[in-house]
Amino acid sequence: MSTPPASQPTVERVYDIALSLFARHGYDGMSLSQLASEVGIQKPSLYNHIDSKQALFMALVERVEGALFDALDASLARHAGADVHTRLFELVCDMSRFILVEAQGVFYKRYLLFPPEPLAADVRAVTGRGEARINAALHEIYIQGQREEVWPDLGERGFLDAFYCLMDGLFSERFMYSVDEYDRRVASIWPIFWSGLTAARD
């Protein structure tokens, strides 16, 4: 992630640079002294913009969750009139693009899998609310698939589990391969995933 321009408001530079540092070094490896230095201010001046390292981390968790929901909502709105196959495929692609934003994607993966111990309960509360929101969006797609009779024998729980397993796998692949290879793999596995949904018997 490139360093935000010096003309950017200081508070936004604090958040953007902190996101990059947390992504690279993790919670324990990121110091406020380092953050202040990269922002170009003295460490005491940080407290004009943040309450604490813990509060900063949680604010970034909320921001990144918000970016995920923006991708989700934009995808659903953009393809609102499409058939269920198109809507679900485009949702997978759009959610995949979210994880490709370098610092954002790495930070998301870190706090999802390895939340800092002092903040673990708070992080899980945020991600739990996020999962509930995603479930609500997926419910709409699941019902559309039932209505279009593309998966008449697939239960909703199985549909949700399959979607999350697919996205978890893709999110991991993001950190192993180039963008082109990642996109190739998304396109390659999609027909297999879709066949599994439409053939499932719960």
Protein backbone atom coordinates (compact mmCIF):
# COMPACT_ATOMS: atom_id res chain seq x y z
CA MET A 1 0.00 0.00 0.00
CA SER A 2 1.41 3.38 -0.99
CA THR A 3 1.88 6.06 1.66
CA PRO A 4 -1.09 8.46 1.72
CA PRO A 5 -0.27 11.93 0.36
CA ALA A 6 0.86 14.56 2.82
CA SER A 7 -2.06 16.76 1.72
CA GLN A 8 -4.52 14.21 3.10
CA PRO A 9 -6.12 15.23 6.43
CA THR A 10 -3.99 13.98 9.31
CA VAL A 11 -6.72 11.83 10.83
CA GLU A 12 -7.18 9.98 7.53
CA ARG A 13 -3.41 9.52 7.20
CA VAL A 14 -3.37 8.04 10.71
CA TYR A 15 -6.05 5.51 9.80
CA ASP A 16 -4.67 4.62 6.38
CA ILE A 17 -1.09 4.19 7.59
CA ALA A 18 -2.24 2.29 10.67
CA LEU A 19 -4.17 -0.11 8.41
CA SER A 20 -1.02 -0.78 6.42
CA LEU A 21 1.11 -1.26 9.55
CA PHE A 22 -1.37 -3.57 11.26
CA ALA A 23 -1.62 -5.58 8.04
CA ARG A 24 2.17 -5.94 7.74
CA HIS A 25 3.14 -6.40 11.37
CA GLY A 26 0.03 -7.51 13.24
CA TYR A 27 -1.35 -5.95 16.39
CA ASP A 28 1.62 -6.67 18.66
CA GLY A 29 4.18 -5.74 16.00
CA MET A 30 2.73 -2.29 15.31
CA SER A 31 3.85 0.48 17.65
CA LEU A 32 2.32 3.91 18.01
CA SER A 33 5.82 5.39 17.80
CA GLN A 34 6.25 3.84 14.37
CA LEU A 35 2.81 5.04 13.34
CA ALA A 36 3.53 8.61 14.44
CA SER A 37 6.84 8.58 12.59
CA GLU A 38 5.26 7.41 9.33
CA VAL A 39 2.41 9.90 9.64
CA GLY A 40 4.98 12.65 10.25
CA ILE A 41 3.87 13.80 13.70
CA GLN A 42 5.04 13.37 17.28
CA LYS A 43 3.65 10.43 19.21
CA PRO A 44 1.73 12.61 21.73
CA SER A 45 -0.02 14.27 18.78
CA LEU A 46 -1.55 10.92 17.81
CA TYR A 47 -3.91 11.27 20.75
CA ASN A 48 -5.51 14.24 19.03
CA HIS A 49 -6.85 11.68 16.56
CA ILE A 50 -7.16 8.37 18.43
CA ASP A 51 -7.98 7.32 21.98
CA SER A 52 -5.67 4.30 22.14
CA LYS A 53 -4.06 1.57 20.07
CA GLN A 54 -6.96 -0.74 20.98
CA ALA A 55 -9.57 1.81 19.90
CA LEU A 56 -7.68 2.43 16.66
CA PHE A 57 -7.57 -1.27 15.86
CA MET A 58 -11.30 -1.69 16.49
CA ALA A 59 -12.12 1.38 14.42
CA LEU A 60 -10.21 -0.18 11.53
CA VAL A 61 -12.04 -3.46 11.99
CA GLU A 62 -15.32 -1.56 11.65
CA ARG A 63 -14.02 0.28 8.58
CA VAL A 64 -12.93 -2.88 6.82
CA GLU A 65 -16.20 -4.63 7.67
CA GLY A 66 -17.92 -1.58 6.18
CA ALA A 67 -15.89 -1.96 2.98
CA LEU A 68 -16.94 -5.61 2.79
CA PHE A 69 -20.61 -4.63 3.15
CA ASP A 70 -20.17 -1.94 0.50
CA ALA A 71 -18.93 -4.61 -1.92
CA LEU A 72 -21.80 -6.90 -0.94
CA ASP A 73 -24.51 -4.25 -1.28
CA ALA A 74 -23.11 -2.87 -4.55
CA SER A 75 -23.00 -6.34 -6.10
CA LEU A 76 -26.57 -7.16 -5.08
CA ALA A 77 -27.86 -3.83 -6.36
CA ARG A 78 -25.93 -4.03 -9.64
CA HIS A 79 -27.35 -7.44 -10.48
CA ALA A 80 -30.75 -7.15 -8.81
CA GLY A 81 -32.67 -8.11 -11.94
CA ALA A 82 -30.45 -11.01 -12.99
CA ASP A 83 -31.02 -14.76 -12.65
CA VAL A 84 -29.68 -16.47 -9.55
CA HIS A 85 -26.69 -17.99 -11.35
CA THR A 86 -25.47 -14.54 -12.45
CA ARG A 87 -26.16 -12.92 -9.10
CA LEU A 88 -24.28 -15.54 -7.11
CA PHE A 89 -21.31 -15.71 -9.49
CA GLU A 90 -20.96 -11.92 -9.56
CA LEU A 91 -21.23 -11.81 -5.77
CA VAL A 92 -18.36 -14.29 -5.46
CA CYS A 93 -16.28 -12.21 -7.90
CA ASP A 94 -17.09 -8.91 -6.18
CA MET A 95 -16.33 -10.29 -2.73
CA SER A 96 -13.07 -11.67 -4.14
CA ARG A 97 -12.09 -8.21 -5.36
CA PHE A 98 -12.55 -6.91 -1.82
CA ILE A 99 -9.83 -9.22 -0.56
CA LEU A 100 -7.50 -8.15 -3.40
CA VAL A 101 -7.14 -4.64 -1.94
CA GLU A 102 -3.70 -5.21 -0.44
CA ALA A 103 -3.65 -3.80 3.10
CA GLN A 104 -7.40 -4.17 3.51
CA GLY A 105 -7.34 -7.84 2.52
CA VAL A 106 -4.38 -8.75 4.72
CA PHE A 107 -5.81 -6.90 7.71
CA TYR A 108 -9.17 -8.61 7.23
CA LYS A 109 -7.53 -12.01 7.20
CA ARG A 110 -5.45 -11.19 10.30
CA TYR A 111 -8.29 -10.04 12.50
CA LEU A 112 -10.61 -12.78 11.30
CA LEU A 113 -8.19 -15.61 12.04
CA PHE A 114 -5.87 -14.13 14.66
CA PRO A 115 -7.65 -11.39 16.62
CA PRO A 116 -5.44 -9.86 19.33
CA GLU A 117 -6.17 -11.62 22.60
CA PRO A 118 -7.27 -8.51 24.53
CA LEU A 119 -9.71 -7.62 21.75
CA ALA A 120 -10.78 -11.09 20.64
CA ALA A 121 -14.29 -10.87 22.10
CA ASP A 122 -14.87 -7.42 20.60
CA VAL A 123 -13.61 -8.51 17.19
CA ARG A 124 -15.78 -11.62 17.22
CA ALA A 125 -18.80 -9.52 18.14
CA VAL A 126 -18.19 -7.33 15.08
CA THR A 127 -17.60 -10.27 12.73
CA GLY A 128 -20.63 -12.07 14.18
CA ARG A 129 -22.83 -9.11 13.28
CA GLY A 130 -21.19 -9.07 9.87
CA GLU A 131 -21.93 -12.74 9.28
CA ALA A 132 -25.57 -12.17 10.22
CA ARG A 133 -25.77 -9.40 7.62
CA ILE A 134 -24.18 -11.59 4.95
CA ASN A 135 -26.57 -14.41 5.87
CA ALA A 136 -29.51 -12.09 5.30
CA ALA A 137 -28.23 -11.19 1.83
CA LEU A 138 -27.57 -14.84 0.99
CA HIS A 139 -31.07 -15.75 2.18
CA GLU A 140 -32.47 -13.56 -0.59
CA ILE A 141 -30.32 -15.36 -3.17
CA TYR A 142 -31.20 -18.76 -1.75
CA ILE A 143 -34.94 -18.00 -1.99
CA GLN A 144 -34.49 -16.82 -5.57
CA GLY A 145 -32.79 -20.13 -6.40
CA GLN A 146 -35.70 -22.01 -4.87
CA ARG A 147 -38.14 -19.89 -6.84
CA GLU A 148 -36.24 -20.52 -10.08
CA GLU A 149 -36.06 -24.24 -9.17
CA VAL A 150 -32.31 -24.47 -9.69
CA TRP A 151 -31.71 -26.13 -6.30
CA PRO A 152 -35.10 -27.53 -5.18
CA ASP A 153 -33.52 -30.05 -2.80
CA LEU A 154 -30.78 -27.86 -1.30
CA GLY A 155 -31.34 -26.70 2.27
CA GLU A 156 -30.47 -23.14 3.23
CA ARG A 157 -27.93 -24.19 5.87
CA GLY A 158 -26.07 -26.26 3.28
CA PHE A 159 -26.15 -23.34 0.86
CA LEU A 160 -24.68 -20.98 3.45
CA ASP A 161 -22.00 -23.47 4.49
CA ALA A 162 -20.98 -24.07 0.87
CA PHE A 163 -20.71 -20.34 0.18
CA TYR A 164 -18.55 -19.65 3.24
CA CYS A 165 -16.26 -22.61 2.53
CA LEU A 166 -15.79 -21.39 -1.03
CA MET A 167 -15.00 -17.83 0.03
CA ASP A 168 -12.69 -18.95 2.86
CA GLY A 169 -10.71 -21.02 0.38
CA LEU A 170 -10.53 -18.20 -2.14
CA PHE A 171 -9.46 -15.70 0.50
CA SER A 172 -6.57 -17.99 1.43
CA GLU A 173 -5.57 -18.42 -2.22
CA ARG A 174 -5.38 -14.64 -2.54
CA PHE A 175 -2.19 -14.64 -0.46
CA MET A 176 -0.55 -17.44 -2.44
CA TYR A 177 -0.99 -16.45 -6.09
CA SER A 178 -0.91 -13.51 -8.47
CA VAL A 179 -4.11 -11.64 -9.31
CA ASP A 180 -4.25 -13.27 -12.75
CA GLU A 181 -3.83 -16.75 -11.30
CA TYR A 182 -6.38 -15.98 -8.61
CA ASP A 183 -8.92 -14.86 -11.22
CA ARG A 184 -8.21 -17.97 -13.27
CA ARG A 185 -8.90 -20.17 -10.28
CA VAL A 186 -12.18 -18.39 -9.49
CA ALA A 187 -13.35 -18.98 -13.06
CA SER A 188 -12.13 -22.58 -12.99
CA ILE A 189 -13.84 -23.70 -9.80
CA TRP A 190 -17.11 -21.90 -10.39
CA PRO A 191 -18.77 -24.53 -12.68
CA ILE A 192 -17.87 -27.25 -10.17
CA PHE A 193 -19.25 -25.24 -7.26
CA TRP A 194 -22.46 -24.47 -9.15
CA SER A 195 -22.92 -28.11 -10.14
CA GLY A 196 -22.60 -29.08 -6.49
CA LEU A 197 -25.30 -26.62 -5.44
CA THR A 198 -27.75 -27.69 -8.11
CA ALA A 199 -27.20 -31.41 -7.52
CA ALA A 200 -27.28 -31.27 -3.71
CA ARG A 201 -29.79 -33.33 -1.77
CA ASP A 202 -30.32 -32.28 1.85
